[in-house]
Amino acid sequence: GWFRQAPGQEREFVAAISWSASNT
């Protein structure tokens, strides 16, 4: 997965991929 955090904000989900890449 990829997450991001901007200053003063909570970490948020950006993108994810399953182990086989069949799901994103």
PDBML (XML) file of the C-alpha atoms, coordinates in Angstrom:
<?xml version="1.0" encoding="UTF-8" ?>
<PDBx:datablock datablockName="MODEL"
   xmlns:PDBx="http://pdbml.pdb.org/schema/pdbx-v50.xsd"
   xmlns:xsi="http://www.w3.org/2001/XMLSchema-instance"
   xsi:schemaLocation="http://pdbml.pdb.org/schema/pdbx-v50.xsd pdbx-v50.xsd">
   <PDBx:atom_siteCategory>
      <PDBx:atom_site id="1">
         <PDBx:B_iso_or_equiv>0.00</PDBx:B_iso_or_equiv>
         <PDBx:Cartn_x>0.000</PDBx:Cartn_x>
         <PDBx:Cartn_y>0.000</PDBx:Cartn_y>
         <PDBx:Cartn_z>0.000</PDBx:Cartn_z>
         <PDBx:auth_asym_id>A</PDBx:auth_asym_id>
         <PDBx:auth_atom_id>CA</PDBx:auth_atom_id>
         <PDBx:auth_comp_id>GLY</PDBx:auth_comp_id>
         <PDBx:auth_seq_id>1</PDBx:auth_seq_id>
         <PDBx:group_PDB>ATOM</PDBx:group_PDB>
         <PDBx:label_alt_id xsi:nil="true" />
         <PDBx:label_asym_id>A</PDBx:label_asym_id>
         <PDBx:label_atom_id>CA</PDBx:label_atom_id>
         <PDBx:label_comp_id>GLY</PDBx:label_comp_id>
         <PDBx:label_entity_id>1</PDBx:label_entity_id>
         <PDBx:label_seq_id>1</PDBx:label_seq_id>
         <PDBx:occupancy>1.00</PDBx:occupancy>
         <PDBx:pdbx_PDB_model_num>1</PDBx:pdbx_PDB_model_num>
         <PDBx:type_symbol>C</PDBx:type_symbol>
      </PDBx:atom_site>
      <PDBx:atom_site id="2">
         <PDBx:B_iso_or_equiv>0.00</PDBx:B_iso_or_equiv>
         <PDBx:Cartn_x>0.822</PDBx:Cartn_x>
         <PDBx:Cartn_y>3.676</PDBx:Cartn_y>
         <PDBx:Cartn_z>-0.344</PDBx:Cartn_z>
         <PDBx:auth_asym_id>A</PDBx:auth_asym_id>
         <PDBx:auth_atom_id>CA</PDBx:auth_atom_id>
         <PDBx:auth_comp_id>TRP</PDBx:auth_comp_id>
         <PDBx:auth_seq_id>2</PDBx:auth_seq_id>
         <PDBx:group_PDB>ATOM</PDBx:group_PDB>
         <PDBx:label_alt_id xsi:nil="true" />
         <PDBx:label_asym_id>A</PDBx:label_asym_id>
         <PDBx:label_atom_id>CA</PDBx:label_atom_id>
         <PDBx:label_comp_id>TRP</PDBx:label_comp_id>
         <PDBx:label_entity_id>1</PDBx:label_entity_id>
         <PDBx:label_seq_id>2</PDBx:label_seq_id>
         <PDBx:occupancy>1.00</PDBx:occupancy>
         <PDBx:pdbx_PDB_model_num>1</PDBx:pdbx_PDB_model_num>
         <PDBx:type_symbol>C</PDBx:type_symbol>
      </PDBx:atom_site>
      <PDBx:atom_site id="3">
         <PDBx:B_iso_or_equiv>0.00</PDBx:B_iso_or_equiv>
         <PDBx:Cartn_x>-0.223</PDBx:Cartn_x>
         <PDBx:Cartn_y>6.237</PDBx:Cartn_y>
         <PDBx:Cartn_z>2.238</PDBx:Cartn_z>
         <PDBx:auth_asym_id>A</PDBx:auth_asym_id>
         <PDBx:auth_atom_id>CA</PDBx:auth_atom_id>
         <PDBx:auth_comp_id>PHE</PDBx:auth_comp_id>
         <PDBx:auth_seq_id>3</PDBx:auth_seq_id>
         <PDBx:group_PDB>ATOM</PDBx:group_PDB>
         <PDBx:label_alt_id xsi:nil="true" />
         <PDBx:label_asym_id>A</PDBx:label_asym_id>
         <PDBx:label_atom_id>CA</PDBx:label_atom_id>
         <PDBx:label_comp_id>PHE</PDBx:label_comp_id>
         <PDBx:label_entity_id>1</PDBx:label_entity_id>
         <PDBx:label_seq_id>3</PDBx:label_seq_id>
         <PDBx:occupancy>1.00</PDBx:occupancy>
         <PDBx:pdbx_PDB_model_num>1</PDBx:pdbx_PDB_model_num>
         <PDBx:type_symbol>C</PDBx:type_symbol>
      </PDBx:atom_site>
      <PDBx:atom_site id="4">
         <PDBx:B_iso_or_equiv>0.00</PDBx:B_iso_or_equiv>
         <PDBx:Cartn_x>0.519</PDBx:Cartn_x>
         <PDBx:Cartn_y>9.930</PDBx:Cartn_y>
         <PDBx:Cartn_z>2.620</PDBx:Cartn_z>
         <PDBx:auth_asym_id>A</PDBx:auth_asym_id>
         <PDBx:auth_atom_id>CA</PDBx:auth_atom_id>
         <PDBx:auth_comp_id>ARG</PDBx:auth_comp_id>
         <PDBx:auth_seq_id>4</PDBx:auth_seq_id>
         <PDBx:group_PDB>ATOM</PDBx:group_PDB>
         <PDBx:label_alt_id xsi:nil="true" />
         <PDBx:label_asym_id>A</PDBx:label_asym_id>
         <PDBx:label_atom_id>CA</PDBx:label_atom_id>
         <PDBx:label_comp_id>ARG</PDBx:label_comp_id>
         <PDBx:label_entity_id>1</PDBx:label_entity_id>
         <PDBx:label_seq_id>4</PDBx:label_seq_id>
         <PDBx:occupancy>1.00</PDBx:occupancy>
         <PDBx:pdbx_PDB_model_num>1</PDBx:pdbx_PDB_model_num>
         <PDBx:type_symbol>C</PDBx:type_symbol>
      </PDBx:atom_site>
      <PDBx:atom_site id="5">
         <PDBx:B_iso_or_equiv>0.00</PDBx:B_iso_or_equiv>
         <PDBx:Cartn_x>0.631</PDBx:Cartn_x>
         <PDBx:Cartn_y>12.491</PDBx:Cartn_y>
         <PDBx:Cartn_z>5.381</PDBx:Cartn_z>
         <PDBx:auth_asym_id>A</PDBx:auth_asym_id>
         <PDBx:auth_atom_id>CA</PDBx:auth_atom_id>
         <PDBx:auth_comp_id>GLN</PDBx:auth_comp_id>
         <PDBx:auth_seq_id>5</PDBx:auth_seq_id>
         <PDBx:group_PDB>ATOM</PDBx:group_PDB>
         <PDBx:label_alt_id xsi:nil="true" />
         <PDBx:label_asym_id>A</PDBx:label_asym_id>
         <PDBx:label_atom_id>CA</PDBx:label_atom_id>
         <PDBx:label_comp_id>GLN</PDBx:label_comp_id>
         <PDBx:label_entity_id>1</PDBx:label_entity_id>
         <PDBx:label_seq_id>5</PDBx:label_seq_id>
         <PDBx:occupancy>1.00</PDBx:occupancy>
         <PDBx:pdbx_PDB_model_num>1</PDBx:pdbx_PDB_model_num>
         <PDBx:type_symbol>C</PDBx:type_symbol>
      </PDBx:atom_site>
      <PDBx:atom_site id="6">
         <PDBx:B_iso_or_equiv>0.00</PDBx:B_iso_or_equiv>
         <PDBx:Cartn_x>0.498</PDBx:Cartn_x>
         <PDBx:Cartn_y>16.230</PDBx:Cartn_y>
         <PDBx:Cartn_z>4.965</PDBx:Cartn_z>
         <PDBx:auth_asym_id>A</PDBx:auth_asym_id>
         <PDBx:auth_atom_id>CA</PDBx:auth_atom_id>
         <PDBx:auth_comp_id>ALA</PDBx:auth_comp_id>
         <PDBx:auth_seq_id>6</PDBx:auth_seq_id>
         <PDBx:group_PDB>ATOM</PDBx:group_PDB>
         <PDBx:label_alt_id xsi:nil="true" />
         <PDBx:label_asym_id>A</PDBx:label_asym_id>
         <PDBx:label_atom_id>CA</PDBx:label_atom_id>
         <PDBx:label_comp_id>ALA</PDBx:label_comp_id>
         <PDBx:label_entity_id>1</PDBx:label_entity_id>
         <PDBx:label_seq_id>6</PDBx:label_seq_id>
         <PDBx:occupancy>1.00</PDBx:occupancy>
         <PDBx:pdbx_PDB_model_num>1</PDBx:pdbx_PDB_model_num>
         <PDBx:type_symbol>C</PDBx:type_symbol>
      </PDBx:atom_site>
      <PDBx:atom_site id="7">
         <PDBx:B_iso_or_equiv>0.00</PDBx:B_iso_or_equiv>
         <PDBx:Cartn_x>1.656</PDBx:Cartn_x>
         <PDBx:Cartn_y>18.596</PDBx:Cartn_y>
         <PDBx:Cartn_z>7.729</PDBx:Cartn_z>
         <PDBx:auth_asym_id>A</PDBx:auth_asym_id>
         <PDBx:auth_atom_id>CA</PDBx:auth_atom_id>
         <PDBx:auth_comp_id>PRO</PDBx:auth_comp_id>
         <PDBx:auth_seq_id>7</PDBx:auth_seq_id>
         <PDBx:group_PDB>ATOM</PDBx:group_PDB>
         <PDBx:label_alt_id xsi:nil="true" />
         <PDBx:label_asym_id>A</PDBx:label_asym_id>
         <PDBx:label_atom_id>CA</PDBx:label_atom_id>
         <PDBx:label_comp_id>PRO</PDBx:label_comp_id>
         <PDBx:label_entity_id>1</PDBx:label_entity_id>
         <PDBx:label_seq_id>7</PDBx:label_seq_id>
         <PDBx:occupancy>1.00</PDBx:occupancy>
         <PDBx:pdbx_PDB_model_num>1</PDBx:pdbx_PDB_model_num>
         <PDBx:type_symbol>C</PDBx:type_symbol>
      </PDBx:atom_site>
      <PDBx:atom_site id="8">
         <PDBx:B_iso_or_equiv>0.00</PDBx:B_iso_or_equiv>
         <PDBx:Cartn_x>-0.890</PDBx:Cartn_x>
         <PDBx:Cartn_y>18.811</PDBx:Cartn_y>
         <PDBx:Cartn_z>10.512</PDBx:Cartn_z>
         <PDBx:auth_asym_id>A</PDBx:auth_asym_id>
         <PDBx:auth_atom_id>CA</PDBx:auth_atom_id>
         <PDBx:auth_comp_id>GLY</PDBx:auth_comp_id>
         <PDBx:auth_seq_id>8</PDBx:auth_seq_id>
         <PDBx:group_PDB>ATOM</PDBx:group_PDB>
         <PDBx:label_alt_id xsi:nil="true" />
         <PDBx:label_asym_id>A</PDBx:label_asym_id>
         <PDBx:label_atom_id>CA</PDBx:label_atom_id>
         <PDBx:label_comp_id>GLY</PDBx:label_comp_id>
         <PDBx:label_entity_id>1</PDBx:label_entity_id>
         <PDBx:label_seq_id>8</PDBx:label_seq_id>
         <PDBx:occupancy>1.00</PDBx:occupancy>
         <PDBx:pdbx_PDB_model_num>1</PDBx:pdbx_PDB_model_num>
         <PDBx:type_symbol>C</PDBx:type_symbol>
      </PDBx:atom_site>
      <PDBx:atom_site id="9">
         <PDBx:B_iso_or_equiv>0.00</PDBx:B_iso_or_equiv>
         <PDBx:Cartn_x>-2.999</PDBx:Cartn_x>
         <PDBx:Cartn_y>16.025</PDBx:Cartn_y>
         <PDBx:Cartn_z>9.061</PDBx:Cartn_z>
         <PDBx:auth_asym_id>A</PDBx:auth_asym_id>
         <PDBx:auth_atom_id>CA</PDBx:auth_atom_id>
         <PDBx:auth_comp_id>GLN</PDBx:auth_comp_id>
         <PDBx:auth_seq_id>9</PDBx:auth_seq_id>
         <PDBx:group_PDB>ATOM</PDBx:group_PDB>
         <PDBx:label_alt_id xsi:nil="true" />
         <PDBx:label_asym_id>A</PDBx:label_asym_id>
         <PDBx:label_atom_id>CA</PDBx:label_atom_id>
         <PDBx:label_comp_id>GLN</PDBx:label_comp_id>
         <PDBx:label_entity_id>1</PDBx:label_entity_id>
         <PDBx:label_seq_id>9</PDBx:label_seq_id>
         <PDBx:occupancy>1.00</PDBx:occupancy>
         <PDBx:pdbx_PDB_model_num>1</PDBx:pdbx_PDB_model_num>
         <PDBx:type_symbol>C</PDBx:type_symbol>
      </PDBx:atom_site>
      <PDBx:atom_site id="10">
         <PDBx:B_iso_or_equiv>0.00</PDBx:B_iso_or_equiv>
         <PDBx:Cartn_x>-3.428</PDBx:Cartn_x>
         <PDBx:Cartn_y>12.336</PDBx:Cartn_y>
         <PDBx:Cartn_z>9.737</PDBx:Cartn_z>
         <PDBx:auth_asym_id>A</PDBx:auth_asym_id>
         <PDBx:auth_atom_id>CA</PDBx:auth_atom_id>
         <PDBx:auth_comp_id>GLU</PDBx:auth_comp_id>
         <PDBx:auth_seq_id>10</PDBx:auth_seq_id>
         <PDBx:group_PDB>ATOM</PDBx:group_PDB>
         <PDBx:label_alt_id xsi:nil="true" />
         <PDBx:label_asym_id>A</PDBx:label_asym_id>
         <PDBx:label_atom_id>CA</PDBx:label_atom_id>
         <PDBx:label_comp_id>GLU</PDBx:label_comp_id>
         <PDBx:label_entity_id>1</PDBx:label_entity_id>
         <PDBx:label_seq_id>10</PDBx:label_seq_id>
         <PDBx:occupancy>1.00</PDBx:occupancy>
         <PDBx:pdbx_PDB_model_num>1</PDBx:pdbx_PDB_model_num>
         <PDBx:type_symbol>C</PDBx:type_symbol>
      </PDBx:atom_site>
      <PDBx:atom_site id="11">
         <PDBx:B_iso_or_equiv>0.00</PDBx:B_iso_or_equiv>
         <PDBx:Cartn_x>-1.898</PDBx:Cartn_x>
         <PDBx:Cartn_y>9.674</PDBx:Cartn_y>
         <PDBx:Cartn_z>7.547</PDBx:Cartn_z>
         <PDBx:auth_asym_id>A</PDBx:auth_asym_id>
         <PDBx:auth_atom_id>CA</PDBx:auth_atom_id>
         <PDBx:auth_comp_id>ARG</PDBx:auth_comp_id>
         <PDBx:auth_seq_id>11</PDBx:auth_seq_id>
         <PDBx:group_PDB>ATOM</PDBx:group_PDB>
         <PDBx:label_alt_id xsi:nil="true" />
         <PDBx:label_asym_id>A</PDBx:label_asym_id>
         <PDBx:label_atom_id>CA</PDBx:label_atom_id>
         <PDBx:label_comp_id>ARG</PDBx:label_comp_id>
         <PDBx:label_entity_id>1</PDBx:label_entity_id>
         <PDBx:label_seq_id>11</PDBx:label_seq_id>
         <PDBx:occupancy>1.00</PDBx:occupancy>
         <PDBx:pdbx_PDB_model_num>1</PDBx:pdbx_PDB_model_num>
         <PDBx:type_symbol>C</PDBx:type_symbol>
      </PDBx:atom_site>
      <PDBx:atom_site id="12">
         <PDBx:B_iso_or_equiv>0.00</PDBx:B_iso_or_equiv>
         <PDBx:Cartn_x>-4.321</PDBx:Cartn_x>
         <PDBx:Cartn_y>8.728</PDBx:Cartn_y>
         <PDBx:Cartn_z>4.793</PDBx:Cartn_z>
         <PDBx:auth_asym_id>A</PDBx:auth_asym_id>
         <PDBx:auth_atom_id>CA</PDBx:auth_atom_id>
         <PDBx:auth_comp_id>GLU</PDBx:auth_comp_id>
         <PDBx:auth_seq_id>12</PDBx:auth_seq_id>
         <PDBx:group_PDB>ATOM</PDBx:group_PDB>
         <PDBx:label_alt_id xsi:nil="true" />
         <PDBx:label_asym_id>A</PDBx:label_asym_id>
         <PDBx:label_atom_id>CA</PDBx:label_atom_id>
         <PDBx:label_comp_id>GLU</PDBx:label_comp_id>
         <PDBx:label_entity_id>1</PDBx:label_entity_id>
         <PDBx:label_seq_id>12</PDBx:label_seq_id>
         <PDBx:occupancy>1.00</PDBx:occupancy>
         <PDBx:pdbx_PDB_model_num>1</PDBx:pdbx_PDB_model_num>
         <PDBx:type_symbol>C</PDBx:type_symbol>
      </PDBx:atom_site>
      <PDBx:atom_site id="13">
         <PDBx:B_iso_or_equiv>0.00</PDBx:B_iso_or_equiv>
         <PDBx:Cartn_x>-4.728</PDBx:Cartn_x>
         <PDBx:Cartn_y>5.860</PDBx:Cartn_y>
         <PDBx:Cartn_z>2.382</PDBx:Cartn_z>
         <PDBx:auth_asym_id>A</PDBx:auth_asym_id>
         <PDBx:auth_atom_id>CA</PDBx:auth_atom_id>
         <PDBx:auth_comp_id>PHE</PDBx:auth_comp_id>
         <PDBx:auth_seq_id>13</PDBx:auth_seq_id>
         <PDBx:group_PDB>ATOM</PDBx:group_PDB>
         <PDBx:label_alt_id xsi:nil="true" />
         <PDBx:label_asym_id>A</PDBx:label_asym_id>
         <PDBx:label_atom_id>CA</PDBx:label_atom_id>
         <PDBx:label_comp_id>PHE</PDBx:label_comp_id>
         <PDBx:label_entity_id>1</PDBx:label_entity_id>
         <PDBx:label_seq_id>13</PDBx:label_seq_id>
         <PDBx:occupancy>1.00</PDBx:occupancy>
         <PDBx:pdbx_PDB_model_num>1</PDBx:pdbx_PDB_model_num>
         <PDBx:type_symbol>C</PDBx:type_symbol>
      </PDBx:atom_site>
      <PDBx:atom_site id="14">
         <PDBx:B_iso_or_equiv>0.00</PDBx:B_iso_or_equiv>
         <PDBx:Cartn_x>-3.706</PDBx:Cartn_x>
         <PDBx:Cartn_y>6.513</PDBx:Cartn_y>
         <PDBx:Cartn_z>-1.225</PDBx:Cartn_z>
         <PDBx:auth_asym_id>A</PDBx:auth_asym_id>
         <PDBx:auth_atom_id>CA</PDBx:auth_atom_id>
         <PDBx:auth_comp_id>VAL</PDBx:auth_comp_id>
         <PDBx:auth_seq_id>14</PDBx:auth_seq_id>
         <PDBx:group_PDB>ATOM</PDBx:group_PDB>
         <PDBx:label_alt_id xsi:nil="true" />
         <PDBx:label_asym_id>A</PDBx:label_asym_id>
         <PDBx:label_atom_id>CA</PDBx:label_atom_id>
         <PDBx:label_comp_id>VAL</PDBx:label_comp_id>
         <PDBx:label_entity_id>1</PDBx:label_entity_id>
         <PDBx:label_seq_id>14</PDBx:label_seq_id>
         <PDBx:occupancy>1.00</PDBx:occupancy>
         <PDBx:pdbx_PDB_model_num>1</PDBx:pdbx_PDB_model_num>
         <PDBx:type_symbol>C</PDBx:type_symbol>
      </PDBx:atom_site>
      <PDBx:atom_site id="15">
         <PDBx:B_iso_or_equiv>0.00</PDBx:B_iso_or_equiv>
         <PDBx:Cartn_x>-3.565</PDBx:Cartn_x>
         <PDBx:Cartn_y>3.192</PDBx:Cartn_y>
         <PDBx:Cartn_z>-3.089</PDBx:Cartn_z>
         <PDBx:auth_asym_id>A</PDBx:auth_asym_id>
         <PDBx:auth_atom_id>CA</PDBx:auth_atom_id>
         <PDBx:auth_comp_id>ALA</PDBx:auth_comp_id>
         <PDBx:auth_seq_id>15</PDBx:auth_seq_id>
         <PDBx:group_PDB>ATOM</PDBx:group_PDB>
         <PDBx:label_alt_id xsi:nil="true" />
         <PDBx:label_asym_id>A</PDBx:label_asym_id>
         <PDBx:label_atom_id>CA</PDBx:label_atom_id>
         <PDBx:label_comp_id>ALA</PDBx:label_comp_id>
         <PDBx:label_entity_id>1</PDBx:label_entity_id>
         <PDBx:label_seq_id>15</PDBx:label_seq_id>
         <PDBx:occupancy>1.00</PDBx:occupancy>
         <PDBx:pdbx_PDB_model_num>1</PDBx:pdbx_PDB_model_num>
         <PDBx:type_symbol>C</PDBx:type_symbol>
      </PDBx:atom_site>
      <PDBx:atom_site id="16">
         <PDBx:B_iso_or_equiv>0.00</PDBx:B_iso_or_equiv>
         <PDBx:Cartn_x>-3.162</PDBx:Cartn_x>
         <PDBx:Cartn_y>-0.531</PDBx:Cartn_y>
         <PDBx:Cartn_z>-2.557</PDBx:Cartn_z>
         <PDBx:auth_asym_id>A</PDBx:auth_asym_id>
         <PDBx:auth_atom_id>CA</PDBx:auth_atom_id>
         <PDBx:auth_comp_id>ALA</PDBx:auth_comp_id>
         <PDBx:auth_seq_id>16</PDBx:auth_seq_id>
         <PDBx:group_PDB>ATOM</PDBx:group_PDB>
         <PDBx:label_alt_id xsi:nil="true" />
         <PDBx:label_asym_id>A</PDBx:label_asym_id>
         <PDBx:label_atom_id>CA</PDBx:label_atom_id>
         <PDBx:label_comp_id>ALA</PDBx:label_comp_id>
         <PDBx:label_entity_id>1</PDBx:label_entity_id>
         <PDBx:label_seq_id>16</PDBx:label_seq_id>
         <PDBx:occupancy>1.00</PDBx:occupancy>
         <PDBx:pdbx_PDB_model_num>1</PDBx:pdbx_PDB_model_num>
         <PDBx:type_symbol>C</PDBx:type_symbol>
      </PDBx:atom_site>
      <PDBx:atom_site id="17">
         <PDBx:B_iso_or_equiv>0.00</PDBx:B_iso_or_equiv>
         <PDBx:Cartn_x>-2.442</PDBx:Cartn_x>
         <PDBx:Cartn_y>-3.645</PDBx:Cartn_y>
         <PDBx:Cartn_z>-4.572</PDBx:Cartn_z>
         <PDBx:auth_asym_id>A</PDBx:auth_asym_id>
         <PDBx:auth_atom_id>CA</PDBx:auth_atom_id>
         <PDBx:auth_comp_id>ILE</PDBx:auth_comp_id>
         <PDBx:auth_seq_id>17</PDBx:auth_seq_id>
         <PDBx:group_PDB>ATOM</PDBx:group_PDB>
         <PDBx:label_alt_id xsi:nil="true" />
         <PDBx:label_asym_id>A</PDBx:label_asym_id>
         <PDBx:label_atom_id>CA</PDBx:label_atom_id>
         <PDBx:label_comp_id>ILE</PDBx:label_comp_id>
         <PDBx:label_entity_id>1</PDBx:label_entity_id>
         <PDBx:label_seq_id>17</PDBx:label_seq_id>
         <PDBx:occupancy>1.00</PDBx:occupancy>
         <PDBx:pdbx_PDB_model_num>1</PDBx:pdbx_PDB_model_num>
         <PDBx:type_symbol>C</PDBx:type_symbol>
      </PDBx:atom_site>
      <PDBx:atom_site id="18">
         <PDBx:B_iso_or_equiv>0.00</PDBx:B_iso_or_equiv>
         <PDBx:Cartn_x>-2.941</PDBx:Cartn_x>
         <PDBx:Cartn_y>-7.303</PDBx:Cartn_y>
         <PDBx:Cartn_z>-3.727</PDBx:Cartn_z>
         <PDBx:auth_asym_id>A</PDBx:auth_asym_id>
         <PDBx:auth_atom_id>CA</PDBx:auth_atom_id>
         <PDBx:auth_comp_id>SER</PDBx:auth_comp_id>
         <PDBx:auth_seq_id>18</PDBx:auth_seq_id>
         <PDBx:group_PDB>ATOM</PDBx:group_PDB>
         <PDBx:label_alt_id xsi:nil="true" />
         <PDBx:label_asym_id>A</PDBx:label_asym_id>
         <PDBx:label_atom_id>CA</PDBx:label_atom_id>
         <PDBx:label_comp_id>SER</PDBx:label_comp_id>
         <PDBx:label_entity_id>1</PDBx:label_entity_id>
         <PDBx:label_seq_id>18</PDBx:label_seq_id>
         <PDBx:occupancy>1.00</PDBx:occupancy>
         <PDBx:pdbx_PDB_model_num>1</PDBx:pdbx_PDB_model_num>
         <PDBx:type_symbol>C</PDBx:type_symbol>
      </PDBx:atom_site>
      <PDBx:atom_site id="19">
         <PDBx:B_iso_or_equiv>0.00</PDBx:B_iso_or_equiv>
         <PDBx:Cartn_x>-0.078</PDBx:Cartn_x>
         <PDBx:Cartn_y>-9.774</PDBx:Cartn_y>
         <PDBx:Cartn_z>-3.684</PDBx:Cartn_z>
         <PDBx:auth_asym_id>A</PDBx:auth_asym_id>
         <PDBx:auth_atom_id>CA</PDBx:auth_atom_id>
         <PDBx:auth_comp_id>TRP</PDBx:auth_comp_id>
         <PDBx:auth_seq_id>19</PDBx:auth_seq_id>
         <PDBx:group_PDB>ATOM</PDBx:group_PDB>
         <PDBx:label_alt_id xsi:nil="true" />
         <PDBx:label_asym_id>A</PDBx:label_asym_id>
         <PDBx:label_atom_id>CA</PDBx:label_atom_id>
         <PDBx:label_comp_id>TRP</PDBx:label_comp_id>
         <PDBx:label_entity_id>1</PDBx:label_entity_id>
         <PDBx:label_seq_id>19</PDBx:label_seq_id>
         <PDBx:occupancy>1.00</PDBx:occupancy>
         <PDBx:pdbx_PDB_model_num>1</PDBx:pdbx_PDB_model_num>
         <PDBx:type_symbol>C</PDBx:type_symbol>
      </PDBx:atom_site>
      <PDBx:atom_site id="20">
         <PDBx:B_iso_or_equiv>0.00</PDBx:B_iso_or_equiv>
         <PDBx:Cartn_x>-0.892</PDBx:Cartn_x>
         <PDBx:Cartn_y>-11.043</PDBx:Cartn_y>
         <PDBx:Cartn_z>-7.200</PDBx:Cartn_z>
         <PDBx:auth_asym_id>A</PDBx:auth_asym_id>
         <PDBx:auth_atom_id>CA</PDBx:auth_atom_id>
         <PDBx:auth_comp_id>SER</PDBx:auth_comp_id>
         <PDBx:auth_seq_id>20</PDBx:auth_seq_id>
         <PDBx:group_PDB>ATOM</PDBx:group_PDB>
         <PDBx:label_alt_id xsi:nil="true" />
         <PDBx:label_asym_id>A</PDBx:label_asym_id>
         <PDBx:label_atom_id>CA</PDBx:label_atom_id>
         <PDBx:label_comp_id>SER</PDBx:label_comp_id>
         <PDBx:label_entity_id>1</PDBx:label_entity_id>
         <PDBx:label_seq_id>20</PDBx:label_seq_id>
         <PDBx:occupancy>1.00</PDBx:occupancy>
         <PDBx:pdbx_PDB_model_num>1</PDBx:pdbx_PDB_model_num>
         <PDBx:type_symbol>C</PDBx:type_symbol>
      </PDBx:atom_site>
      <PDBx:atom_site id="21">
         <PDBx:B_iso_or_equiv>0.00</PDBx:B_iso_or_equiv>
         <PDBx:Cartn_x>-1.715</PDBx:Cartn_x>
         <PDBx:Cartn_y>-7.572</PDBx:Cartn_y>
         <PDBx:Cartn_z>-8.546</PDBx:Cartn_z>
         <PDBx:auth_asym_id>A</PDBx:auth_asym_id>
         <PDBx:auth_atom_id>CA</PDBx:auth_atom_id>
         <PDBx:auth_comp_id>ALA</PDBx:auth_comp_id>
         <PDBx:auth_seq_id>21</PDBx:auth_seq_id>
         <PDBx:group_PDB>ATOM</PDBx:group_PDB>
         <PDBx:label_alt_id xsi:nil="true" />
         <PDBx:label_asym_id>A</PDBx:label_asym_id>
         <PDBx:label_atom_id>CA</PDBx:label_atom_id>
         <PDBx:label_comp_id>ALA</PDBx:label_comp_id>
         <PDBx:label_entity_id>1</PDBx:label_entity_id>
         <PDBx:label_seq_id>21</PDBx:label_seq_id>
         <PDBx:occupancy>1.00</PDBx:occupancy>
         <PDBx:pdbx_PDB_model_num>1</PDBx:pdbx_PDB_model_num>
         <PDBx:type_symbol>C</PDBx:type_symbol>
      </PDBx:atom_site>
      <PDBx:atom_site id="22">
         <PDBx:B_iso_or_equiv>0.00</PDBx:B_iso_or_equiv>
         <PDBx:Cartn_x>-5.178</PDBx:Cartn_x>
         <PDBx:Cartn_y>-8.829</PDBx:Cartn_y>
         <PDBx:Cartn_z>-9.455</PDBx:Cartn_z>
         <PDBx:auth_asym_id>A</PDBx:auth_asym_id>
         <PDBx:auth_atom_id>CA</PDBx:auth_atom_id>
         <PDBx:auth_comp_id>SER</PDBx:auth_comp_id>
         <PDBx:auth_seq_id>22</PDBx:auth_seq_id>
         <PDBx:group_PDB>ATOM</PDBx:group_PDB>
         <PDBx:label_alt_id xsi:nil="true" />
         <PDBx:label_asym_id>A</PDBx:label_asym_id>
         <PDBx:label_atom_id>CA</PDBx:label_atom_id>
         <PDBx:label_comp_id>SER</PDBx:label_comp_id>
         <PDBx:label_entity_id>1</PDBx:label_entity_id>
         <PDBx:label_seq_id>22</PDBx:label_seq_id>
         <PDBx:occupancy>1.00</PDBx:occupancy>
         <PDBx:pdbx_PDB_model_num>1</PDBx:pdbx_PDB_model_num>
         <PDBx:type_symbol>C</PDBx:type_symbol>
      </PDBx:atom_site>
      <PDBx:atom_site id="23">
         <PDBx:B_iso_or_equiv>0.00</PDBx:B_iso_or_equiv>
         <PDBx:Cartn_x>-6.829</PDBx:Cartn_x>
         <PDBx:Cartn_y>-6.234</PDBx:Cartn_y>
         <PDBx:Cartn_z>-7.199</PDBx:Cartn_z>
         <PDBx:auth_asym_id>A</PDBx:auth_asym_id>
         <PDBx:auth_atom_id>CA</PDBx:auth_atom_id>
         <PDBx:auth_comp_id>ASN</PDBx:auth_comp_id>
         <PDBx:auth_seq_id>23</PDBx:auth_seq_id>
         <PDBx:group_PDB>ATOM</PDBx:group_PDB>
         <PDBx:label_alt_id xsi:nil="true" />
         <PDBx:label_asym_id>A</PDBx:label_asym_id>
         <PDBx:label_atom_id>CA</PDBx:label_atom_id>
         <PDBx:label_comp_id>ASN</PDBx:label_comp_id>
         <PDBx:label_entity_id>1</PDBx:label_entity_id>
         <PDBx:label_seq_id>23</PDBx:label_seq_id>
         <PDBx:occupancy>1.00</PDBx:occupancy>
         <PDBx:pdbx_PDB_model_num>1</PDBx:pdbx_PDB_model_num>
         <PDBx:type_symbol>C</PDBx:type_symbol>
      </PDBx:atom_site>
      <PDBx:atom_site id="24">
         <PDBx:B_iso_or_equiv>0.00</PDBx:B_iso_or_equiv>
         <PDBx:Cartn_x>-6.072</PDBx:Cartn_x>
         <PDBx:Cartn_y>-2.546</PDBx:Cartn_y>
         <PDBx:Cartn_z>-6.802</PDBx:Cartn_z>
         <PDBx:auth_asym_id>A</PDBx:auth_asym_id>
         <PDBx:auth_atom_id>CA</PDBx:auth_atom_id>
         <PDBx:auth_comp_id>THR</PDBx:auth_comp_id>
         <PDBx:auth_seq_id>24</PDBx:auth_seq_id>
         <PDBx:group_PDB>ATOM</PDBx:group_PDB>
         <PDBx:label_alt_id xsi:nil="true" />
         <PDBx:label_asym_id>A</PDBx:label_asym_id>
         <PDBx:label_atom_id>CA</PDBx:label_atom_id>
         <PDBx:label_comp_id>THR</PDBx:label_comp_id>
         <PDBx:label_entity_id>1</PDBx:label_entity_id>
         <PDBx:label_seq_id>24</PDBx:label_seq_id>
         <PDBx:occupancy>1.00</PDBx:occupancy>
         <PDBx:pdbx_PDB_model_num>1</PDBx:pdbx_PDB_model_num>
         <PDBx:type_symbol>C</PDBx:type_symbol>
      </PDBx:atom_site>
   </PDBx:atom_siteCategory>
</PDBx:datablock>
